[in-house]
PDB file of N, CA and C in Angstrom:
ATOM      1  N   MET A   1    -115.007-132.619  82.735  1.00  0.00           N
ATOM      2  CA  MET A   1    -115.899-132.947  81.660  1.00  0.00           C
ATOM      3  C   MET A   1    -115.815-134.425  81.332  1.00  0.00           C
ATOM      4  N   GLY A   2    -114.623-134.904  81.097  1.00  0.00           N
ATOM      5  CA  GLY A   2    -114.473-136.301  80.735  1.00  0.00           C
ATOM      6  C   GLY A   2    -114.808-137.185  81.918  1.00  0.00           C
ATOM      7  N   SER A   3    -115.652-138.135  81.700  1.00  0.00           N
ATOM      8  CA  SER A   3    -116.029-139.028  82.787  1.00  0.00           C
ATOM      9  C   SER A   3    -115.935-140.461  82.322  1.00  0.00           C
ATOM     10  N   CYS A   4    -115.918-141.360  83.273  1.00  0.00           N
ATOM     11  CA  CYS A   4    -115.926-142.779  82.936  1.00  0.00           C
ATOM     12  C   CYS A   4    -117.174-143.109  82.143  1.00  0.00           C
ATOM     13  N   HIS A   5    -118.289-142.460  82.477  1.00  0.00           N
ATOM     14  CA  HIS A   5    -119.540-142.742  81.775  1.00  0.00           C
ATOM     15  C   HIS A   5    -119.433-142.382  80.294  1.00  0.00           C
ATOM     16  N   SER A   6    -118.953-141.180  79.980  1.00  0.00           N
ATOM     17  CA  SER A   6    -118.860-140.777  78.574  1.00  0.00           C
ATOM     18  C   SER A   6    -117.862-141.643  77.823  1.00  0.00           C
ATOM     19  N   GLN A   7    -116.801-142.059  78.479  1.00  0.00           N
ATOM     20  CA  GLN A   7    -115.822-142.902  77.808  1.00  0.00           C
ATOM     21  C   GLN A   7    -116.369-144.298  77.557  1.00  0.00           C
ATOM     22  N   ARG A   8    -117.179-144.814  78.454  1.00  0.00           N
ATOM     23  CA  ARG A   8    -117.779-146.145  78.275  1.00  0.00           C
ATOM     24  C   ARG A   8    -118.944-146.109  77.301  1.00  0.00           C
ATOM     25  N   GLU A   9    -119.844-145.152  77.499  1.00  0.00           N
ATOM     26  CA  GLU A   9    -121.098-145.124  76.755  1.00  0.00           C
ATOM     27  C   GLU A   9    -121.006-144.362  75.440  1.00  0.00           C
ATOM     28  N   GLY A  10    -120.046-143.476  75.312  1.00  0.00           N
ATOM     29  CA  GLY A  10    -119.944-142.678  74.102  1.00  0.00           C
ATOM     30  C   GLY A  10    -120.866-141.470  74.151  1.00  0.00           C
ATOM     31  N   LEU A  11    -121.180-140.956  72.976  1.00  0.00           N
ATOM     32  CA  LEU A  11    -121.934-139.718  72.855  1.00  0.00           C
ATOM     33  C   LEU A  11    -122.929-139.869  71.720  1.00  0.00           C
ATOM     34  N   TYR A  12    -124.158-139.433  71.935  1.00  0.00           N
ATOM     35  CA  TYR A  12    -125.175-139.430  70.892  1.00  0.00           C
ATOM     36  C   TYR A  12    -125.404-137.981  70.509  1.00  0.00           C
ATOM     37  N   PHE A  13    -125.148-137.632  69.236  1.00  0.00           N
ATOM     38  CA  PHE A  13    -125.244-136.251  68.780  1.00  0.00           C
ATOM     39  C   PHE A  13    -125.736-136.236  67.342  1.00  0.00           C
ATOM     40  N   LYS A  14    -126.764-135.442  67.081  1.00  0.00           N
ATOM     41  CA  LYS A  14    -127.335-135.291  65.737  1.00  0.00           C
ATOM     42  C   LYS A  14    -127.629-136.640  65.081  1.00  0.00           C
ATOM     43  N   GLU A  15    -128.313-137.482  65.839  1.00  0.00           N
ATOM     44  CA  GLU A  15    -128.792-138.782  65.362  1.00  0.00           C
ATOM     45  C   GLU A  15    -127.685-139.767  64.997  1.00  0.00           C
ATOM     46  N   LYS A  16    -126.524-139.620  65.624  1.00  0.00           N
ATOM     47  CA  LYS A  16    -125.419-140.557  65.424  1.00  0.00           C
ATOM     48  C   LYS A  16    -124.808-140.913  66.768  1.00  0.00           C
ATOM     49  N   ASP A  17    -124.332-142.139  66.867  1.00  0.00           N
ATOM     50  CA  ASP A  17    -123.580-142.573  68.041  1.00  0.00           C
ATOM     51  C   ASP A  17    -122.096-142.379  67.776  1.00  0.00           C
ATOM     52  N   TYR A  18    -121.408-141.764  68.730  1.00  0.00           N
ATOM     53  CA  TYR A  18    -119.978-141.519  68.617  1.00  0.00           C
ATOM     54  C   TYR A  18    -119.262-142.239  69.745  1.00  0.00           C
ATOM     55  N   LYS A  19    -118.106-142.794  69.437  1.00  0.00           N
ATOM     56  CA  LYS A  19    -117.271-143.458  70.440  1.00  0.00           C
ATOM     57  C   LYS A  19    -116.284-142.438  70.996  1.00  0.00           C
ATOM     58  N   CYS A  20    -116.217-142.342  72.305  1.00  0.00           N
ATOM     59  CA  CYS A  20    -115.285-141.421  72.950  1.00  0.00           C
ATOM     60  C   CYS A  20    -113.860-141.937  72.771  1.00  0.00           C
ATOM     61  N   VAL A  21    -113.001-141.081  72.215  1.00  0.00           N
ATOM     62  CA  VAL A  21    -111.603-141.471  72.026  1.00  0.00           C
ATOM     63  C   VAL A  21    -110.672-140.749  72.991  1.00  0.00           C
ATOM     64  N   ARG A  22    -111.151-139.649  73.589  1.00  0.00           N
ATOM     65  CA  ARG A  22    -110.351-138.932  74.584  1.00  0.00           C
ATOM     66  C   ARG A  22    -111.274-138.042  75.402  1.00  0.00           C
ATOM     67  N   ALA A  23    -111.000-137.975  76.698  1.00  0.00           N
ATOM     68  CA  ALA A  23    -111.759-137.079  77.569  1.00  0.00           C
ATOM     69  C   ALA A  23    -110.861-136.636  78.709  1.00  0.00           C
ATOM     70  N   ASP A  24    -110.924-135.339  79.020  1.00  0.00           N
ATOM     71  CA  ASP A  24    -110.192-134.809  80.164  1.00  0.00           C
ATOM     72  C   ASP A  24    -111.060-133.760  80.853  1.00  0.00           C
ATOM     73  N   ASP A  25    -110.465-132.924  81.681  1.00  0.00           N
ATOM     74  CA  ASP A  25    -111.244-131.952  82.452  1.00  0.00           C
ATOM     75  C   ASP A  25    -111.990-130.943  81.587  1.00  0.00           C
ATOM     76  N   TYR A  26    -111.448-130.590  80.430  1.00  0.00           N
ATOM     77  CA  TYR A  26    -112.047-129.551  79.602  1.00  0.00           C
ATOM     78  C   TYR A  26    -112.555-130.033  78.251  1.00  0.00           C
ATOM     79  N   SER A  27    -112.168-131.207  77.800  1.00  0.00           N
ATOM     80  CA  SER A  27    -112.466-131.609  76.432  1.00  0.00           C
ATOM     81  C   SER A  27    -112.949-133.044  76.336  1.00  0.00           C
ATOM     82  N   LEU A  28    -113.734-133.278  75.287  1.00  0.00           N
ATOM     83  CA  LEU A  28    -114.171-134.622  74.959  1.00  0.00           C
ATOM     84  C   LEU A  28    -114.096-134.755  73.440  1.00  0.00           C
ATOM     85  N   TYR A  29    -113.432-135.792  72.972  1.00  0.00           N
ATOM     86  CA  TYR A  29    -113.327-136.064  71.542  1.00  0.00           C
ATOM     87  C   TYR A  29    -114.016-137.387  71.274  1.00  0.00           C
ATOM     88  N   ALA A  30    -114.860-137.402  70.257  1.00  0.00           N
ATOM     89  CA  ALA A  30    -115.576-138.630  69.920  1.00  0.00           C
ATOM     90  C   ALA A  30    -115.633-138.766  68.408  1.00  0.00           C
ATOM     91  N   LYS A  31    -115.668-140.030  67.930  1.00  0.00           N
ATOM     92  CA  LYS A  31    -115.710-140.224  66.484  1.00  0.00           C
ATOM     93  C   LYS A  31    -116.674-141.329  66.104  1.00  0.00           C
ATOM     94  N   ASN A  32    -117.121-141.253  64.861  1.00  0.00           N
ATOM     95  CA  ASN A  32    -117.993-142.243  64.241  1.00  0.00           C
ATOM     96  C   ASN A  32    -117.511-142.375  62.806  1.00  0.00           C
ATOM     97  N   GLU A  33    -116.844-143.467  62.513  1.00  0.00           N
ATOM     98  CA  GLU A  33    -116.236-143.697  61.200  1.00  0.00           C
ATOM     99  C   GLU A  33    -115.344-142.516  60.833  1.00  0.00           C
ATOM    100  N   ASN A  34    -115.687-141.748  59.804  1.00  0.00           N
ATOM    101  CA  ASN A  34    -114.836-140.638  59.357  1.00  0.00           C
ATOM    102  C   ASN A  34    -115.354-139.275  59.792  1.00  0.00           C
ATOM    103  N   THR A  35    -116.236-139.245  60.780  1.00  0.00           N
ATOM    104  CA  THR A  35    -116.750-137.982  61.300  1.00  0.00           C
ATOM    105  C   THR A  35    -116.468-137.920  62.796  1.00  0.00           C
ATOM    106  N   GLY A  36    -116.578-136.730  63.357  1.00  0.00           N
ATOM    107  CA  GLY A  36    -116.299-136.621  64.778  1.00  0.00           C
ATOM    108  C   GLY A  36    -116.894-135.383  65.408  1.00  0.00           C
ATOM    109  N   VAL A  37    -116.873-135.381  66.735  1.00  0.00           N
ATOM    110  CA  VAL A  37    -117.386-134.284  67.551  1.00  0.00           C
ATOM    111  C   VAL A  37    -116.327-133.927  68.581  1.00  0.00           C
ATOM    112  N   ILE A  38    -116.111-132.643  68.749  1.00  0.00           N
ATOM    113  CA  ILE A  38    -115.225-132.137  69.791  1.00  0.00           C
ATOM    114  C   ILE A  38    -116.068-131.246  70.695  1.00  0.00           C
ATOM    115  N   VAL A  39    -116.037-131.498  71.994  1.00  0.00           N
ATOM    116  CA  VAL A  39    -116.754-130.675  72.968  1.00  0.00           C
ATOM    117  C   VAL A  39    -115.710-130.096  73.912  1.00  0.00           C
ATOM    118  N   VAL A  40    -115.723-128.773  74.052  1.00  0.00           N
ATOM    119  CA  VAL A  40    -114.774-128.084  74.926  1.00  0.00           C
ATOM    120  C   VAL A  40    -115.566-127.243  75.921  1.00  0.00           C
ATOM    121  N   LYS A  41    -115.231-127.380  77.193  1.00  0.00           N
ATOM    122  CA  LYS A  41    -115.934-126.667  78.263  1.00  0.00           C
ATOM    123  C   LYS A  41    -115.158-125.420  78.653  1.00  0.00           C
ATOM    124  N   THR A  42    -115.883-124.298  78.755  1.00  0.00           N
ATOM    125  CA  THR A  42    -115.320-123.084  79.344  1.00  0.00           C
ATOM    126  C   THR A  42    -116.104-122.830  80.632  1.00  0.00           C
ATOM    127  N   HIS A  43    -115.905-121.675  81.234  1.00  0.00           N
ATOM    128  CA  HIS A  43    -116.628-121.365  82.467  1.00  0.00           C
ATOM    129  C   HIS A  43    -118.126-121.201  82.217  1.00  0.00           C
ATOM    130  N   LEU A  44    -118.496-120.659  81.046  1.00  0.00           N
ATOM    131  CA  LEU A  44    -119.904-120.395  80.747  1.00  0.00           C
ATOM    132  C   LEU A  44    -120.480-121.235  79.618  1.00  0.00           C
ATOM    133  N   TYR A  45    -119.638-121.778  78.760  1.00  0.00           N
ATOM    134  CA  TYR A  45    -120.128-122.402  77.533  1.00  0.00           C
ATOM    135  C   TYR A  45    -119.626-123.829  77.353  1.00  0.00           C
ATOM    136  N   LEU A  46    -120.375-124.576  76.563  1.00  0.00           N
ATOM    137  CA  LEU A  46    -119.899-125.828  75.985  1.00  0.00           C
ATOM    138  C   LEU A  46    -119.779-125.572  74.491  1.00  0.00           C
ATOM    139  N   LEU A  47    -118.568-125.588  73.988  1.00  0.00           N
ATOM    140  CA  LEU A  47    -118.348-125.425  72.553  1.00  0.00           C
ATOM    141  C   LEU A  47    -118.453-126.796  71.907  1.00  0.00           C
ATOM    142  N   VAL A  48    -119.241-126.898  70.857  1.00  0.00           N
ATOM    143  CA  VAL A  48    -119.406-128.161  70.148  1.00  0.00           C
ATOM    144  C   VAL A  48    -119.015-127.933  68.701  1.00  0.00           C
ATOM    145  N   ALA A  49    -118.029-128.688  68.248  1.00  0.00           N
ATOM    146  CA  ALA A  49    -117.568-128.588  66.868  1.00  0.00           C
ATOM    147  C   ALA A  49    -117.618-129.976  66.243  1.00  0.00           C
ATOM    148  N   THR A  50    -117.852-130.012  64.951  1.00  0.00           N
ATOM    149  CA  THR A  50    -117.898-131.289  64.243  1.00  0.00           C
ATOM    150  C   THR A  50    -116.972-131.244  63.039  1.00  0.00           C
ATOM    151  N   TYR A  51    -116.538-132.405  62.626  1.00  0.00           N
ATOM    152  CA  TYR A  51    -115.832-132.526  61.355  1.00  0.00           C
ATOM    153  C   TYR A  51    -116.443-133.689  60.598  1.00  0.00           C
ATOM    154  N   SER A  52    -116.392-133.586  59.279  1.00  0.00           N
ATOM    155  CA  SER A  52    -116.985-134.623  58.442  1.00  0.00           C
ATOM    156  C   SER A  52    -115.912-135.270  57.583  1.00  0.00           C
ATOM    157  N   GLU A  53    -116.319-136.275  56.842  1.00  0.00           N
ATOM    158  CA  GLU A  53    -115.388-137.004  55.986  1.00  0.00           C
ATOM    159  C   GLU A  53    -114.694-136.035  55.034  1.00  0.00           C
ATOM    160  N   GLY A  54    -113.408-136.193  54.892  1.00  0.00           N
ATOM    161  CA  GLY A  54    -112.625-135.325  54.020  1.00  0.00           C
ATOM    162  C   GLY A  54    -111.995-134.147  54.741  1.00  0.00           C
ATOM    163  N   MET A  55    -112.422-133.886  55.958  1.00  0.00           N
ATOM    164  CA  MET A  55    -111.836-132.804  56.746  1.00  0.00           C
ATOM    165  C   MET A  55    -110.736-133.380  57.630  1.00  0.00           C
ATOM    166  N   TYR A  56    -109.823-132.521  58.057  1.00  0.00           N
ATOM    167  CA  TYR A  56    -108.755-132.937  58.960  1.00  0.00           C
ATOM    168  C   TYR A  56    -109.217-132.762  60.403  1.00  0.00           C
ATOM    169  N   PRO A  57    -109.360-133.855  61.157  1.00  0.00           N
ATOM    170  CA  PRO A  57    -109.782-133.732  62.559  1.00  0.00           C
ATOM    171  C   PRO A  57    -108.866-132.821  63.367  1.00  0.00           C
ATOM    172  N   SER A  58    -107.576-132.853  63.091  1.00  0.00           N
ATOM    173  CA  SER A  58    -106.624-132.053  63.866  1.00  0.00           C
ATOM    174  C   SER A  58    -106.888-130.556  63.727  1.00  0.00           C
ATOM    175  N   VAL A  59    -107.357-130.116  62.567  1.00  0.00           N
ATOM    176  CA  VAL A  59    -107.667-128.701  62.358  1.00  0.00           C
ATOM    177  C   VAL A  59    -108.875-128.306  63.202  1.00  0.00           C
ATOM    178  N   CYS A  60    -109.882-129.165  63.231  1.00  0.00           N
ATOM    179  CA  CYS A  60    -111.076-128.918  64.041  1.00  0.00           C
ATOM    180  C   CYS A  60    -110.720-128.875  65.526  1.00  0.00           C
ATOM    181  N   VAL A  61    -109.908-129.826  65.967  1.00  0.00           N
ATOM    182  CA  VAL A  61    -109.486-129.878  67.369  1.00  0.00           C
ATOM    183  C   VAL A  61    -108.720-128.615  67.735  1.00  0.00           C
ATOM    184  N   GLU A  62    -107.752-128.241  66.915  1.00  0.00           N
ATOM    185  CA  GLU A  62    -106.927-127.071  67.222  1.00  0.00           C
ATOM    186  C   GLU A  62    -107.766-125.799  67.310  1.00  0.00           C
ATOM    187  N   ALA A  63    -108.647-125.586  66.345  1.00  0.00           N
ATOM    188  CA  ALA A  63    -109.469-124.374  66.339  1.00  0.00           C
ATOM    189  C   ALA A  63    -110.400-124.331  67.552  1.00  0.00           C
ATOM    190  N   THR A  64    -111.014-125.447  67.872  1.00  0.00           N
ATOM    191  CA  THR A  64    -111.957-125.498  68.988  1.00  0.00           C
ATOM    192  C   THR A  64    -111.238-125.323  70.323  1.00  0.00           C
ATOM    193  N   GLU A  65    -110.099-125.985  70.485  1.00  0.00           N
ATOM    194  CA  GLU A  65    -109.326-125.851  71.730  1.00  0.00           C
ATOM    195  C   GLU A  65    -108.811-124.421  71.902  1.00  0.00           C
ATOM    196  N   LYS A  66    -108.358-123.795  70.818  1.00  0.00           N
ATOM    197  CA  LYS A  66    -107.869-122.410  70.914  1.00  0.00           C
ATOM    198  C   LYS A  66    -108.989-121.459  71.307  1.00  0.00           C
ATOM    199  N   LEU A  67    -110.172-121.647  70.727  1.00  0.00           N
ATOM    200  CA  LEU A  67    -111.305-120.805  71.105  1.00  0.00           C
ATOM    201  C   LEU A  67    -111.664-121.032  72.572  1.00  0.00           C
ATOM    202  N   GLY A  68    -111.663-122.278  73.012  1.00  0.00           N
ATOM    203  CA  GLY A  68    -111.938-122.579  74.417  1.00  0.00           C
ATOM    204  C   GLY A  68    -110.921-121.936  75.345  1.00  0.00           C
ATOM    205  N   ASP A  69    -109.640-122.026  74.989  1.00  0.00           N
ATOM    206  CA  ASP A  69    -108.584-121.391  75.796  1.00  0.00           C
ATOM    207  C   ASP A  69    -108.798-119.885  75.878  1.00  0.00           C
ATOM    208  N   TYR A  70    -109.107-119.261  74.743  1.00  0.00           N
ATOM    209  CA  TYR A  70    -109.339-117.819  74.694  1.00  0.00           C
ATOM    210  C   TYR A  70    -110.505-117.430  75.612  1.00  0.00           C
ATOM    211  N   LEU A  71    -111.615-118.151  75.497  1.00  0.00           N
ATOM    212  CA  LEU A  71    -112.784-117.830  76.320  1.00  0.00           C
ATOM    213  C   LEU A  71    -112.506-118.053  77.803  1.00  0.00           C
ATOM    214  N   ARG A  72    -111.767-119.097  78.151  1.00  0.00           N
ATOM    215  CA  ARG A  72    -111.418-119.325  79.560  1.00  0.00           C
ATOM    216  C   ARG A  72    -110.544-118.187  80.088  1.00  0.00           C
ATOM    217  N   ARG A  73    -109.588-117.723  79.283  1.00  0.00           N
ATOM    218  CA  ARG A  73    -108.735-116.601  79.707  1.00  0.00           C
ATOM    219  C   ARG A  73    -109.558-115.338  79.936  1.00  0.00           C
ATOM    220  N   LYS A  74    -110.612-115.149  79.156  1.00  0.00           N
ATOM    221  CA  LYS A  74    -111.475-113.970  79.285  1.00  0.00           C
ATOM    222  C   LYS A  74    -112.504-114.123  80.404  1.00  0.00           C
ATOM    223  N   GLY A  75    -112.533-115.300  81.031  1.00  0.00           N
ATOM    224  CA  GLY A  75    -113.461-115.524  82.131  1.00  0.00           C
ATOM    225  C   GLY A  75    -114.822-116.031  81.703  1.00  0.00           C
ATOM    226  N   ASN A  76    -114.934-116.453  80.463  1.00  0.00           N
ATOM    227  CA  ASN A  76    -116.227-116.957  79.959  1.00  0.00           C
ATOM    228  C   ASN A  76    -116.315-118.446  80.032  1.00  0.00           C
TER     229      ASN A  76
END
């Protein structure tokens, strides 16, 4: 999932530009000031989660990654 292109160019989502802060085979994390987007790839789905100002990014990351892990284990 994570590519040099996404890390260089960032991500445009819901009318905002986000800077990629981490990308690997299954996940992409991007932020814009105090908001962010987490994208997690499974076999069948792209899970997209967001957090806004006042929320803890780590909680969003953990929940999204756990759901992605669960779906991958189930073959989805």
